[in-house]
Amino acid sequence: MIGRFGKNFTARQDGTWRSYFPGTSHFDRQVSRDDYVDVR
């Protein structure tokens, strides 16, 4: 099964972001790839 989700936010400083799902008894833990944000 493949899924998607989204979240909007305003970054206020540079940094590396990632999403994380801790998992449940029915779904495995998931961690996204890192995404670097450069705020100017």
Protein backbone atom coordinates (compact mmCIF):
# COMPACT_ATOMS: atom_id res chain seq x y z
CA MET A 1 0.00 0.00 0.00
CA ILE A 2 1.33 3.45 -0.93
CA GLY A 3 -0.03 6.60 0.66
CA ARG A 4 0.55 10.30 0.78
CA PHE A 5 0.00 13.08 3.23
CA GLY A 6 0.72 16.79 3.32
CA LYS A 7 1.36 19.52 5.85
CA ASN A 8 1.78 23.24 5.22
CA PHE A 9 3.98 25.37 7.42
CA THR A 10 6.21 28.42 7.24
CA ALA A 11 9.88 27.75 7.94
CA ARG A 12 11.49 30.51 9.97
CA GLN A 13 15.06 29.21 9.89
CA ASP A 14 17.30 26.95 7.84
CA GLY A 15 17.18 23.33 8.77
CA THR A 16 16.65 19.72 7.84
CA TRP A 17 13.10 18.44 8.04
CA ARG A 18 11.61 14.97 7.91
CA SER A 19 8.28 13.34 8.61
CA TYR A 20 7.91 10.43 10.99
CA PHE A 21 5.11 7.93 11.62
CA PRO A 22 5.71 5.76 14.71
CA GLY A 23 3.71 2.81 13.39
CA THR A 24 0.82 0.83 14.83
CA SER A 25 -0.03 -2.82 15.23
CA HIS A 26 -1.23 -2.73 11.58
CA PHE A 27 1.30 -0.40 9.92
CA ASP A 28 5.10 -0.30 10.02
CA ARG A 29 7.07 2.70 11.25
CA GLN A 30 7.92 5.13 8.44
CA VAL A 31 10.52 7.89 8.19
CA SER A 32 10.81 10.17 5.15
CA ARG A 33 14.03 11.24 3.49
CA ASP A 34 15.63 14.41 4.88
CA ASP A 35 14.72 17.67 3.14
CA TYR A 36 16.92 20.73 3.68
CA VAL A 37 15.13 24.09 3.81
CA ASP A 38 17.10 27.29 3.10
CA VAL A 39 15.23 30.35 4.42
CA ARG A 40 16.25 33.66 2.89
